[in-house]
Amino acid sequence: MPADAAPTSSPPAGPTPPGAGLAPADLAAAAATLRDDLAEAGFTVDGVERVLGPVAAAALHREQAVPARRALRDRHGDPAAVLATLFLLGGEVPRRALDAALARTGADGARRLGLVEAAGAGDDDAVRAVVDLRPYAASDAAGPVTWWLSSDLGELATGRRLAPDHVLGAGGASLTLAQVTVRTPVGRVLDLGTGCGIQALHAARHSRAVVATDISRRALGFAAFNAALDAPVPADGEHGAAVELREGSMLEPVAGERFDLVVSNPPFVITPRAAGGALPEYEYRDGGRAGDDVVRDLVTGVGAVLAPGGVAQLLGNWEHRRGVPWDERVGAWLEEAGLDGWVVQREVQDPAQYAETWIRDGGTTPEREPDAWAAAYGAWLDDFATRDVEGVGFGIVTLRRPLDGGRPTLRRLEERTGSVRQPLGGHLAASLAAHDWLAARDDAALAAERLAVAADVTEERFHAPGAPDPTVVLLRQGDGLGRAVQASTGLAALVGASDGELTVGQLVGAIAALFEVPADDLAGELLPAVRGLVRDGFLAPAP
């Protein structure tokens, strides 16, 4: 927003989602034409990078538009520059420029789709975007995708706070969820709280049916347009699904149904419920519950719609309350759910950091609106104080219904705040499979197996100056969660010799003879560690 612009206290509701009112066949045809035009115009992630340059592109990712506007001001004839000016920066372009950039759709077609509005019918009359339309490129566990996504224009383009019914595009949380989701081909997928539809689009590539729900009718409208525009291609040549959209809150629209995979980027933001009007409520992030109840209720309730063996993956926040370890509190949710559970905490913010993050997210800053900023900040801190909240965790929750209806066997809560190798979905799927493989084998059966070290595993040895033997041996994982395991000399020797030729038991026996220790004692030390290495992908059954 320009420095001299007055903030809008009550932003107007957003525009009608693109494609609204068109018959399905007409929407499909118009979307296919637009898709071809966008591709031919070079309006892709790489194309935008090209016209902006690396400095302006990086600044735009930080929501700073000045470098991008400077980079584009003299590129009126470049179709990608025209579309970036229009849809990414909220700038106006002449009708003739849009007609040239979208060769078949043209300004009139874009207007009929609900993407733009024009000041007039003349070639030089200004056209401006009424929705955000931007290229999207990502890789999930099923491979790379290149799409375009529509959503509501953001604060950078409109210069005002977000509207309460704002439909968000694909942000960092959306990309994270898409990358960590298991992409094993399945029958039915549920995208709970679909928003603009990005998770449903990813799921449609590896499933036979996708149901996407949202409480926001506007969000479902954007999701419908995006599904028509991107028409996801099956990743395996066999699966591939249309997206069925349903309106409703949380699990209500699918009560009594069963799904093989549930994905959700729910409205998990912890928002003060008694703020006295100090805080605008945003549908995309505020689930209307106190504290972290939205995430708790989803964790404890999603099992009702999971088929046997079905997996649910979601993002969430949880409160760290004074005197209660976070893993104990969230672990109680897993116990109540009665499902296999694996929670990875990726970040922790203190109450002040958390408040600042989400006040700014809605478009309020202390520079422009000091009174509104202070009121919202105080409301958040007061709310946290009522529950003795010392911090807020953010992370990934993976749940699974046991196949045989028996008791859960997986209960894992850990903190991994370092960098990870995305996409992570394949690693998580392999770890779940390894857990099942291990659960079926006691120590005797494990000792009879042949294992091989994973290709991404390296060994690091640290020596004191002049010492012949290492003081520390680390096994480091280059893929997945990037774990590092401190290994004893015996474990390092076993991993180093794990090439699939000898069984675990044979290796333990050989190492025991070399170290001149009882084989049974060494097995008691090494077999639990071997289980951990198999579970985490350092070792795997030899082919």
Protein backbone atom coordinates (compact mmCIF):
# COMPACT_ATOMS: atom_id res chain seq x y z
CA MET A 1 0.00 0.00 0.00
CA PRO A 2 1.38 3.48 -0.78
CA ALA A 3 2.51 5.36 2.30
CA ASP A 4 -0.17 8.00 1.93
CA ALA A 5 -3.04 5.59 1.32
CA ALA A 6 -5.68 5.19 3.99
CA PRO A 7 -6.30 1.60 5.15
CA THR A 8 -9.70 0.15 4.57
CA SER A 9 -11.16 -0.94 7.89
CA SER A 10 -13.74 -3.27 6.36
CA PRO A 11 -12.49 -4.58 3.01
CA PRO A 12 -15.21 -5.41 0.52
CA ALA A 13 -16.01 -8.97 -0.30
CA GLY A 14 -13.99 -10.44 -3.14
CA PRO A 15 -15.18 -10.72 -6.73
CA THR A 16 -17.11 -13.61 -8.16
CA PRO A 17 -14.72 -16.54 -8.77
CA PRO A 18 -13.61 -16.91 -12.39
CA GLY A 19 -15.73 -19.08 -14.61
CA ALA A 20 -18.82 -18.63 -12.44
CA GLY A 21 -22.02 -18.89 -14.44
CA LEU A 22 -20.48 -20.77 -17.36
CA ALA A 23 -21.80 -24.18 -18.27
CA PRO A 24 -19.27 -26.94 -17.51
CA ALA A 25 -18.59 -27.63 -21.18
CA ASP A 26 -18.11 -23.92 -21.94
CA LEU A 27 -15.81 -23.51 -18.94
CA ALA A 28 -13.73 -26.52 -19.96
CA ALA A 29 -13.32 -25.19 -23.52
CA ALA A 30 -12.47 -21.65 -22.42
CA ALA A 31 -10.04 -22.93 -19.77
CA ALA A 32 -8.26 -25.14 -22.30
CA THR A 33 -7.83 -22.18 -24.66
CA LEU A 34 -6.55 -20.00 -21.84
CA ARG A 35 -4.12 -22.71 -20.76
CA ASP A 36 -2.64 -22.83 -24.26
CA ASP A 37 -2.38 -19.04 -24.38
CA LEU A 38 -0.62 -18.82 -21.02
CA ALA A 39 1.90 -21.46 -22.07
CA GLU A 40 2.59 -19.81 -25.44
CA ALA A 41 3.02 -16.43 -23.73
CA GLY A 42 5.76 -17.89 -21.55
CA PHE A 43 3.81 -17.04 -18.42
CA THR A 44 5.50 -19.75 -16.40
CA VAL A 45 7.60 -19.68 -13.24
CA ASP A 46 10.75 -19.66 -15.38
CA GLY A 47 9.24 -17.12 -17.77
CA VAL A 48 8.43 -14.68 -14.97
CA GLU A 49 11.95 -15.13 -13.59
CA ARG A 50 13.28 -14.31 -17.05
CA VAL A 51 11.40 -11.04 -17.47
CA LEU A 52 11.97 -9.91 -13.89
CA GLY A 53 15.54 -10.98 -13.39
CA PRO A 54 16.77 -12.69 -10.22
CA VAL A 55 16.86 -9.59 -8.00
CA ALA A 56 13.32 -8.41 -8.76
CA ALA A 57 11.98 -11.98 -8.67
CA ALA A 58 13.47 -12.55 -5.22
CA ALA A 59 12.05 -9.23 -4.02
CA LEU A 60 8.60 -10.17 -5.31
CA HIS A 61 8.75 -13.39 -3.30
CA ARG A 62 9.25 -11.13 -0.27
CA GLU A 63 6.13 -9.14 -1.26
CA GLN A 64 8.22 -6.18 -2.43
CA ALA A 65 6.91 -4.92 -5.77
CA VAL A 66 9.10 -1.89 -6.56
CA PRO A 67 11.96 -3.84 -8.22
CA ALA A 68 9.46 -5.85 -10.27
CA ARG A 69 7.65 -2.73 -11.48
CA ARG A 70 10.95 -1.18 -12.50
CA ALA A 71 11.98 -4.35 -14.34
CA LEU A 72 8.70 -4.51 -16.30
CA ARG A 73 8.06 -0.87 -17.13
CA ASP A 74 9.85 -0.97 -20.49
CA ARG A 75 8.81 -4.47 -21.58
CA HIS A 76 5.38 -3.67 -23.01
CA GLY A 77 5.75 -6.04 -25.96
CA ASP A 78 6.73 -9.13 -23.98
CA PRO A 79 3.63 -11.29 -23.32
CA ALA A 80 5.01 -12.68 -20.05
CA ALA A 81 5.79 -9.14 -18.85
CA VAL A 82 2.27 -7.98 -19.73
CA LEU A 83 0.68 -10.84 -17.82
CA ALA A 84 3.00 -10.39 -14.84
CA THR A 85 2.16 -6.68 -14.68
CA LEU A 86 -1.55 -7.44 -14.84
CA PHE A 87 -1.96 -10.48 -12.59
CA LEU A 88 1.02 -10.41 -10.22
CA LEU A 89 1.41 -6.68 -9.60
CA GLY A 90 -2.18 -5.50 -10.01
CA GLY A 91 -1.13 -3.01 -12.69
CA GLU A 92 -3.13 -1.83 -15.69
CA VAL A 93 -2.25 -2.75 -19.27
CA PRO A 94 -3.73 -1.56 -22.59
CA ARG A 95 -6.37 -3.79 -24.11
CA ARG A 96 -4.21 -4.24 -27.22
CA ALA A 97 -1.35 -5.62 -25.08
CA LEU A 98 -3.60 -8.21 -23.43
CA ASP A 99 -5.09 -9.18 -26.80
CA ALA A 100 -1.55 -9.85 -28.02
CA ALA A 101 -0.46 -11.71 -24.86
CA LEU A 102 -3.50 -14.02 -24.86
CA ALA A 103 -3.73 -14.62 -28.60
CA ARG A 104 -6.94 -16.66 -28.68
CA THR A 105 -8.61 -15.73 -25.39
CA GLY A 106 -8.03 -11.99 -25.74
CA ALA A 107 -9.24 -9.30 -23.37
CA ASP A 108 -12.88 -10.11 -24.09
CA GLY A 109 -12.41 -13.79 -23.30
CA ALA A 110 -10.53 -12.97 -20.10
CA ARG A 111 -13.38 -10.63 -19.10
CA ARG A 112 -16.01 -13.30 -19.79
CA LEU A 113 -14.06 -15.69 -17.60
CA GLY A 114 -14.09 -13.13 -14.80
CA LEU A 115 -10.33 -12.56 -14.77
CA VAL A 116 -10.23 -8.87 -15.73
CA GLU A 117 -12.34 -5.77 -16.16
CA ALA A 118 -11.84 -3.19 -18.90
CA ALA A 119 -12.37 0.56 -18.91
CA GLY A 120 -13.67 0.44 -22.47
CA ALA A 121 -13.57 -1.34 -25.80
CA GLY A 122 -10.79 0.71 -27.38
CA ASP A 123 -7.34 -0.71 -28.07
CA ASP A 124 -5.74 1.75 -25.68
CA ASP A 125 -8.32 1.44 -22.91
CA ALA A 126 -6.97 0.09 -19.64
CA VAL A 127 -7.55 -3.44 -18.43
CA ARG A 128 -6.92 -4.54 -14.86
CA ALA A 129 -7.09 -7.89 -13.12
CA VAL A 130 -9.86 -8.68 -10.66
CA VAL A 131 -8.27 -11.97 -9.53
CA ASP A 132 -4.75 -13.24 -9.05
CA LEU A 133 -3.60 -15.66 -11.74
CA ARG A 134 -0.06 -16.96 -11.52
CA PRO A 135 2.11 -19.82 -12.69
CA TYR A 136 2.82 -22.65 -10.28
CA ALA A 137 5.61 -25.20 -10.49
CA ALA A 138 6.39 -27.85 -7.91
CA SER A 139 7.57 -31.41 -7.43
CA ASP A 140 5.74 -33.90 -5.26
CA ALA A 141 6.46 -37.56 -4.67
CA ALA A 142 4.75 -38.38 -7.99
CA GLY A 143 6.92 -36.00 -10.02
CA PRO A 144 6.94 -32.38 -11.26
CA VAL A 145 3.89 -30.29 -12.17
CA THR A 146 3.46 -27.01 -14.04
CA TRP A 147 0.09 -25.30 -13.59
CA TRP A 148 -1.63 -21.93 -13.20
CA LEU A 149 -3.64 -21.02 -10.12
CA SER A 150 -6.30 -18.37 -9.61
CA SER A 151 -7.10 -16.84 -6.23
CA ASP A 152 -8.02 -13.47 -4.79
CA LEU A 153 -5.68 -10.55 -5.36
CA GLY A 154 -3.39 -10.01 -2.40
CA GLU A 155 -2.48 -6.89 -0.49
CA LEU A 156 0.46 -6.15 -2.79
CA ALA A 157 -1.91 -5.75 -5.75
CA THR A 158 -4.90 -4.13 -4.01
CA GLY A 159 -3.15 -1.90 -1.46
CA ARG A 160 -5.59 -2.81 1.30
CA ARG A 161 -6.26 -5.40 3.96
CA LEU A 162 -7.50 -8.80 2.90
CA ALA A 163 -11.25 -9.35 2.87
CA PRO A 164 -12.68 -11.80 5.44
CA ASP A 165 -13.65 -14.19 2.61
CA HIS A 166 -10.25 -13.92 0.92
CA VAL A 167 -9.29 -17.04 -1.02
CA LEU A 168 -5.60 -17.66 -0.67
CA GLY A 169 -3.35 -18.96 -3.43
CA ALA A 170 -0.64 -21.57 -3.00
CA GLY A 171 1.57 -20.27 -0.21
CA GLY A 172 4.43 -21.87 1.65
CA ALA A 173 2.19 -24.07 3.78
CA SER A 174 0.34 -25.37 0.70
CA LEU A 175 3.60 -26.23 -1.03
CA THR A 176 4.90 -27.96 2.11
CA LEU A 177 1.80 -30.15 2.38
CA ALA A 178 1.93 -31.04 -1.32
CA GLN A 179 5.55 -32.10 -0.98
CA VAL A 180 5.17 -34.18 2.20
CA THR A 181 2.05 -36.03 1.07
CA VAL A 182 2.40 -39.73 0.32
CA ARG A 183 1.68 -40.25 -3.39
CA THR A 184 1.04 -43.99 -3.52
CA PRO A 185 -1.72 -44.61 -6.10
CA VAL A 186 -5.02 -44.91 -4.23
CA GLY A 187 -8.75 -45.10 -4.80
CA ARG A 188 -10.41 -42.19 -2.96
CA VAL A 189 -8.84 -38.97 -1.65
CA LEU A 190 -10.39 -36.28 0.53
CA ASP A 191 -8.99 -32.73 0.45
CA LEU A 192 -10.41 -31.17 3.59
CA GLY A 193 -10.52 -27.35 3.40
CA THR A 194 -9.45 -27.21 -0.22
CA GLY A 195 -9.20 -23.41 -0.61
CA CYS A 196 -8.12 -22.71 -4.19
CA GLY A 197 -7.89 -26.46 -4.80
CA ILE A 198 -4.14 -27.02 -4.95
CA GLN A 199 -4.08 -30.21 -2.84
CA ALA A 200 -6.97 -31.67 -4.83
CA LEU A 201 -5.07 -31.04 -8.07
CA HIS A 202 -2.02 -32.89 -6.77
CA ALA A 203 -4.19 -35.75 -5.51
CA ALA A 204 -6.02 -36.10 -8.82
CA ARG A 205 -2.80 -37.35 -10.42
CA HIS A 206 -2.60 -40.52 -8.32
CA SER A 207 -6.18 -41.39 -7.38
CA ARG A 208 -9.42 -42.53 -8.94
CA ALA A 209 -11.72 -40.13 -7.08
CA VAL A 210 -11.11 -36.83 -5.28
CA VAL A 211 -13.60 -35.08 -3.03
CA ALA A 212 -12.66 -31.52 -2.03
CA THR A 213 -14.58 -29.70 0.68
CA ASP A 214 -14.60 -26.16 2.03
CA ILE A 215 -16.88 -24.01 4.15
CA SER A 216 -16.34 -21.16 1.68
CA ARG A 217 -18.48 -21.19 -1.45
CA ARG A 218 -16.11 -18.66 -3.03
CA ALA A 219 -13.15 -20.96 -2.41
CA LEU A 220 -14.99 -23.81 -4.12
CA GLY A 221 -15.58 -21.52 -7.08
CA PHE A 222 -11.86 -20.84 -7.44
CA ALA A 223 -11.13 -24.55 -7.01
CA ALA A 224 -13.57 -25.40 -9.80
CA PHE A 225 -11.91 -22.94 -12.16
CA ASN A 226 -8.42 -24.18 -11.30
CA ALA A 227 -9.46 -27.79 -11.85
CA ALA A 228 -10.78 -26.84 -15.30
CA LEU A 229 -7.69 -24.77 -16.12
CA ASP A 230 -5.13 -27.37 -15.07
CA ALA A 231 -6.90 -30.68 -15.78
CA PRO A 232 -4.18 -32.72 -14.02
CA VAL A 233 -2.57 -35.50 -16.04
CA PRO A 234 -2.31 -38.86 -14.22
CA ALA A 235 1.20 -39.49 -12.94
CA ASP A 236 1.13 -43.22 -13.70
CA GLY A 237 -0.95 -43.35 -16.85
CA GLU A 238 -3.63 -45.32 -15.02
CA HIS A 239 -5.00 -43.16 -12.23
CA GLY A 240 -6.48 -39.70 -12.64
CA ALA A 241 -9.65 -38.21 -11.31
CA ALA A 242 -12.07 -35.36 -11.70
CA VAL A 243 -12.49 -33.29 -8.55
CA GLU A 244 -15.88 -33.37 -6.83
CA LEU A 245 -16.51 -30.21 -4.78
CA ARG A 246 -18.70 -30.11 -1.68
CA GLU A 247 -19.59 -27.22 0.60
CA GLY A 248 -19.53 -27.71 4.36
CA SER A 249 -17.54 -27.55 7.57
CA MET A 250 -14.73 -29.98 8.33
CA LEU A 251 -15.88 -33.62 8.07
CA GLU A 252 -19.61 -32.90 7.81
CA PRO A 253 -19.86 -33.15 3.98
CA VAL A 254 -18.34 -36.66 3.98
CA ALA A 255 -19.88 -38.18 7.10
CA GLY A 256 -20.21 -41.94 6.74
CA GLU A 257 -17.80 -42.19 3.80
CA ARG A 258 -14.32 -43.74 3.70
CA PHE A 259 -11.13 -42.52 2.03
CA ASP A 260 -7.71 -44.01 1.38
CA LEU A 261 -5.98 -40.65 1.80
CA VAL A 262 -7.04 -37.47 3.55
CA VAL A 263 -5.01 -34.28 3.12
CA SER A 264 -5.72 -31.03 4.91
CA ASN A 265 -4.18 -27.61 5.29
CA PRO A 266 -6.91 -26.63 7.77
CA PRO A 267 -7.62 -23.16 9.20
CA PHE A 268 -5.21 -23.88 12.04
CA VAL A 269 -4.20 -20.36 13.06
CA ILE A 270 -4.74 -19.85 16.80
CA THR A 271 -6.90 -16.72 16.93
CA PRO A 272 -8.24 -14.89 20.02
CA ARG A 273 -11.93 -15.56 20.33
CA ALA A 274 -12.69 -12.61 22.66
CA ALA A 275 -10.81 -9.84 20.89
CA GLY A 276 -13.61 -7.28 21.05
CA GLY A 277 -13.43 -6.55 17.33
CA ALA A 278 -9.67 -6.01 17.37
CA LEU A 279 -9.09 -8.83 14.89
CA PRO A 280 -10.62 -9.44 11.48
CA GLU A 281 -11.57 -13.07 10.94
CA TYR A 282 -10.31 -14.73 7.79
CA GLU A 283 -12.03 -17.84 6.53
CA TYR A 284 -8.85 -19.30 5.07
CA ARG A 285 -7.02 -19.39 8.40
CA ASP A 286 -9.52 -19.07 11.27
CA GLY A 287 -11.47 -22.22 12.13
CA GLY A 288 -13.65 -20.48 14.71
CA ARG A 289 -12.40 -22.50 17.69
CA ALA A 290 -10.47 -21.53 20.80
CA GLY A 291 -6.76 -22.26 21.00
CA ASP A 292 -5.64 -25.25 18.95
CA ASP A 293 -8.97 -27.04 19.13
CA VAL A 294 -9.35 -27.14 15.33
CA VAL A 295 -6.24 -29.27 14.94
CA ARG A 296 -7.03 -31.41 17.99
CA ASP A 297 -10.55 -32.13 16.72
CA LEU A 298 -9.24 -33.03 13.27
CA VAL A 299 -6.57 -35.35 14.66
CA THR A 300 -9.05 -37.10 16.95
CA GLY A 301 -11.91 -37.20 14.45
CA VAL A 302 -10.41 -37.91 11.03
CA GLY A 303 -10.26 -41.65 11.73
CA ALA A 304 -14.01 -41.75 11.21
CA VAL A 305 -13.51 -41.30 7.45
CA LEU A 306 -10.31 -43.34 6.99
CA ALA A 307 -10.54 -46.71 5.30
CA PRO A 308 -8.46 -49.55 6.82
CA GLY A 309 -4.85 -48.72 5.98
CA GLY A 310 -5.89 -45.19 5.03
CA VAL A 311 -3.52 -42.29 5.70
CA ALA A 312 -4.31 -38.73 6.79
CA GLN A 313 -1.73 -35.95 6.47
CA LEU A 314 -2.24 -32.44 7.73
CA LEU A 315 -0.45 -29.31 8.84
CA GLY A 316 -1.17 -27.70 12.16
CA ASN A 317 -0.30 -25.51 15.12
CA TRP A 318 -0.31 -26.68 18.73
CA GLU A 319 0.22 -24.78 21.93
CA HIS A 320 3.17 -25.30 24.25
CA ARG A 321 1.66 -24.78 27.68
CA ARG A 322 3.65 -24.15 30.81
CA GLY A 323 4.57 -27.37 32.59
CA VAL A 324 3.30 -29.70 29.84
CA PRO A 325 5.75 -31.02 27.21
CA TRP A 326 4.35 -30.45 23.72
CA ASP A 327 4.81 -34.09 22.73
CA GLU A 328 2.90 -35.24 25.80
CA ARG A 329 -0.01 -32.95 24.96
CA VAL A 330 -0.18 -33.79 21.25
CA GLY A 331 0.53 -37.43 22.08
CA ALA A 332 -2.71 -37.48 24.09
CA TRP A 333 -4.54 -36.48 20.89
CA LEU A 334 -3.02 -39.47 19.11
CA GLU A 335 -4.10 -41.78 21.91
CA GLU A 336 -7.64 -40.48 21.66
CA ALA A 337 -7.60 -40.89 17.88
CA GLY A 338 -6.74 -44.58 18.14
CA LEU A 339 -4.60 -44.34 14.97
CA ASP A 340 -0.98 -44.83 14.10
CA GLY A 341 0.57 -41.40 14.52
CA TRP A 342 3.76 -39.60 13.52
CA VAL A 343 4.17 -35.90 14.32
CA VAL A 344 7.15 -33.87 13.14
CA GLN A 345 7.45 -30.42 14.73
CA ARG A 346 9.22 -28.15 12.24
CA GLU A 347 9.16 -24.76 13.98
CA VAL A 348 8.35 -23.11 17.30
CA GLN A 349 7.44 -19.43 17.80
CA ASP A 350 7.04 -17.58 21.06
CA PRO A 351 3.67 -15.83 21.61
CA ALA A 352 4.96 -12.45 20.42
CA GLN A 353 6.46 -13.86 17.22
CA TYR A 354 3.26 -15.74 16.51
CA ALA A 355 1.12 -12.65 16.97
CA GLU A 356 3.35 -10.58 14.69
CA THR A 357 3.30 -13.23 11.96
CA TRP A 358 -0.47 -13.43 11.72
CA ILE A 359 -1.26 -9.75 12.22
CA ARG A 360 1.00 -8.96 9.27
CA ASP A 361 -0.51 -11.84 7.30
CA GLY A 362 -3.85 -10.04 7.23
CA GLY A 363 -2.29 -6.79 5.96
CA THR A 364 -1.99 -4.78 9.20
CA THR A 365 1.38 -3.19 9.97
CA PRO A 366 2.52 -0.98 12.88
CA GLU A 367 3.70 1.68 10.44
CA ARG A 368 0.35 2.16 8.71
CA GLU A 369 -2.10 1.29 11.47
CA PRO A 370 -0.40 1.61 14.87
CA ASP A 371 -3.63 1.54 16.86
CA ALA A 372 -5.02 -1.52 15.07
CA TRP A 373 -1.62 -3.23 15.38
CA ALA A 374 -1.43 -2.59 19.12
CA ALA A 375 -5.01 -3.75 19.73
CA ALA A 376 -4.51 -6.98 17.80
CA TYR A 377 -1.13 -7.63 19.41
CA GLY A 378 -2.59 -7.17 22.88
CA ALA A 379 -5.55 -9.43 22.10
CA TRP A 380 -3.23 -12.25 21.05
CA LEU A 381 -0.98 -11.95 24.09
CA ASP A 382 -3.97 -11.79 26.43
CA ASP A 383 -5.47 -14.88 24.84
CA PHE A 384 -2.26 -16.89 25.16
CA ALA A 385 -1.87 -15.79 28.79
CA THR A 386 -5.26 -17.29 29.72
CA ARG A 387 -3.91 -20.77 28.83
CA ASP A 388 -0.30 -20.31 30.00
CA VAL A 389 0.98 -20.63 26.43
CA GLU A 390 4.75 -20.28 26.19
CA GLY A 391 5.12 -21.11 22.51
CA VAL A 392 3.34 -22.39 19.42
CA GLY A 393 4.58 -25.34 17.41
CA PHE A 394 4.03 -25.89 13.70
CA GLY A 395 4.45 -29.18 11.96
CA ILE A 396 3.32 -32.18 9.98
CA VAL A 397 0.93 -34.82 11.29
CA THR A 398 0.69 -38.23 9.62
CA LEU A 399 -2.03 -40.61 10.81
CA ARG A 400 -2.99 -44.09 9.65
CA ARG A 401 -5.79 -46.53 10.42
CA PRO A 402 -4.36 -50.01 11.13
CA LEU A 403 -5.24 -52.49 8.40
CA ASP A 404 -6.53 -55.23 10.64
CA GLY A 405 -8.49 -52.99 12.99
CA GLY A 406 -6.03 -53.74 15.76
CA ARG A 407 -4.26 -51.40 18.13
CA PRO A 408 -1.90 -48.77 16.73
CA THR A 409 1.76 -49.75 16.59
CA LEU A 410 3.26 -46.41 15.53
CA ARG A 411 3.53 -43.56 18.01
CA ARG A 412 6.25 -41.06 17.13
CA LEU A 413 6.58 -37.39 18.05
CA GLU A 414 9.83 -35.64 17.20
CA GLU A 415 11.30 -32.23 16.47
CA ARG A 416 13.15 -31.66 13.19
CA THR A 417 13.83 -27.97 12.67
CA GLY A 418 16.70 -28.25 10.18
CA SER A 419 16.52 -28.39 6.42
CA VAL A 420 14.92 -31.40 4.75
CA ARG A 421 15.08 -32.76 1.23
CA GLN A 422 11.81 -32.10 -0.53
CA PRO A 423 9.64 -33.67 -1.78
CA LEU A 424 9.38 -35.64 1.45
CA GLY A 425 6.33 -37.74 0.62
CA GLY A 426 8.32 -40.65 -0.78
CA HIS A 427 10.53 -40.76 2.31
CA LEU A 428 7.52 -40.75 4.65
CA ALA A 429 5.87 -43.54 2.65
CA ALA A 430 9.07 -45.61 2.81
CA SER A 431 9.35 -45.05 6.55
CA LEU A 432 5.76 -46.20 7.11
CA ALA A 433 6.48 -49.30 5.04
CA ALA A 434 9.69 -49.92 6.99
CA HIS A 435 7.76 -49.65 10.26
CA ASP A 436 5.38 -52.36 9.08
CA TRP A 437 8.27 -54.54 7.88
CA LEU A 438 9.96 -54.27 11.28
CA ALA A 439 6.73 -54.87 13.21
CA ALA A 440 6.41 -58.24 11.48
CA ARG A 441 9.90 -59.38 12.57
CA ASP A 442 11.22 -60.17 16.01
CA ASP A 443 14.96 -59.97 16.68
CA ALA A 444 15.61 -63.48 15.42
CA ALA A 445 13.84 -62.77 12.14
CA LEU A 446 15.64 -59.44 11.77
CA ALA A 447 19.00 -61.17 12.33
CA ALA A 448 18.17 -63.51 9.43
CA GLU A 449 17.62 -60.63 6.99
CA ARG A 450 20.13 -59.17 4.56
CA LEU A 451 20.32 -55.37 4.56
CA ALA A 452 21.97 -52.78 2.33
CA VAL A 453 23.01 -49.25 3.18
CA ALA A 454 21.07 -46.50 1.34
CA ALA A 455 22.88 -44.61 -1.39
CA ASP A 456 22.44 -41.23 0.32
CA VAL A 457 24.13 -42.27 3.58
CA THR A 458 27.61 -40.98 4.35
CA GLU A 459 29.92 -41.50 7.32
CA GLU A 460 31.83 -38.79 9.16
CA ARG A 461 34.64 -39.57 11.63
CA PHE A 462 36.05 -37.09 14.12
CA HIS A 463 39.50 -37.66 15.61
CA ALA A 464 41.24 -35.90 18.45
CA PRO A 465 44.60 -34.55 17.21
CA GLY A 466 47.07 -37.41 17.03
CA ALA A 467 44.53 -40.08 18.05
CA PRO A 468 44.45 -43.21 15.85
CA ASP A 469 40.78 -43.98 16.56
CA PRO A 470 37.81 -41.67 16.07
CA THR A 471 36.10 -40.16 19.09
CA VAL A 472 32.80 -39.70 17.22
CA VAL A 473 31.33 -41.51 14.20
CA LEU A 474 28.28 -39.96 12.53
CA LEU A 475 26.05 -41.62 9.97
CA ARG A 476 24.44 -38.84 7.97
CA GLN A 477 21.40 -39.05 5.70
CA GLY A 478 21.42 -36.87 2.60
CA ASP A 479 17.77 -37.47 1.70
CA GLY A 480 14.52 -37.25 3.64
CA LEU A 481 14.72 -35.59 7.03
CA GLY A 482 18.51 -35.33 6.87
CA ARG A 483 19.08 -37.21 10.10
CA ALA A 484 22.50 -37.72 11.69
CA VAL A 485 23.01 -40.73 13.98
CA GLN A 486 25.99 -41.10 16.30
CA ALA A 487 27.14 -44.67 15.83
CA SER A 488 29.20 -46.88 18.09
CA THR A 489 32.24 -48.54 16.55
CA GLY A 490 30.29 -51.78 16.25
CA LEU A 491 27.29 -50.16 14.58
CA ALA A 492 29.52 -48.26 12.16
CA ALA A 493 31.23 -51.52 11.25
CA LEU A 494 27.89 -53.26 10.67
CA VAL A 495 26.56 -50.45 8.46
CA GLY A 496 29.80 -50.31 6.52
CA ALA A 497 29.59 -54.04 5.77
CA SER A 498 25.86 -54.03 4.90
CA ASP A 499 25.96 -54.71 1.19
CA GLY A 500 23.25 -57.38 1.04
CA GLU A 501 25.65 -60.35 0.98
CA LEU A 502 25.60 -61.42 4.66
CA THR A 503 22.71 -61.49 7.10
CA VAL A 504 22.55 -59.13 10.04
CA GLY A 505 23.27 -62.05 12.34
CA GLN A 506 26.34 -63.08 10.35
CA LEU A 507 27.68 -59.52 10.48
CA VAL A 508 27.10 -59.30 14.24
CA GLY A 509 28.96 -62.59 14.70
CA ALA A 510 31.92 -61.45 12.63
CA ILE A 511 32.15 -58.11 14.42
CA ALA A 512 31.89 -59.83 17.83
CA ALA A 513 34.76 -62.12 16.91
CA LEU A 514 36.84 -59.15 15.74
CA PHE A 515 36.17 -57.20 18.95
CA GLU A 516 36.47 -60.33 21.09
CA VAL A 517 33.09 -59.83 22.79
CA PRO A 518 30.14 -62.25 23.23
CA ALA A 519 27.95 -62.27 20.12
CA ASP A 520 24.73 -62.26 22.15
CA ASP A 521 25.81 -59.15 24.06
CA LEU A 522 26.71 -57.35 20.86
CA ALA A 523 23.41 -58.37 19.25
CA GLY A 524 21.54 -56.93 22.23
CA GLU A 525 23.32 -53.63 21.63
CA LEU A 526 23.14 -53.48 17.84
CA LEU A 527 19.74 -54.92 16.87
CA PRO A 528 17.68 -52.04 18.40
CA ALA A 529 19.95 -49.56 16.62
CA VAL A 530 19.57 -51.48 13.35
CA ARG A 531 15.78 -51.23 13.74
CA GLY A 532 16.07 -47.46 14.04
CA LEU A 533 18.27 -47.26 10.95
CA VAL A 534 15.85 -49.35 8.91
CA ARG A 535 12.89 -47.29 10.11
CA ASP A 536 14.60 -44.04 9.12
CA GLY A 537 15.93 -45.19 5.76
CA PHE A 538 19.64 -45.62 6.48
CA LEU A 539 19.35 -49.35 5.86
CA ALA A 540 16.85 -51.27 3.73
CA PRO A 541 16.13 -54.91 2.93
CA ALA A 542 18.46 -56.06 0.17
CA PRO A 543 16.71 -56.77 -3.13
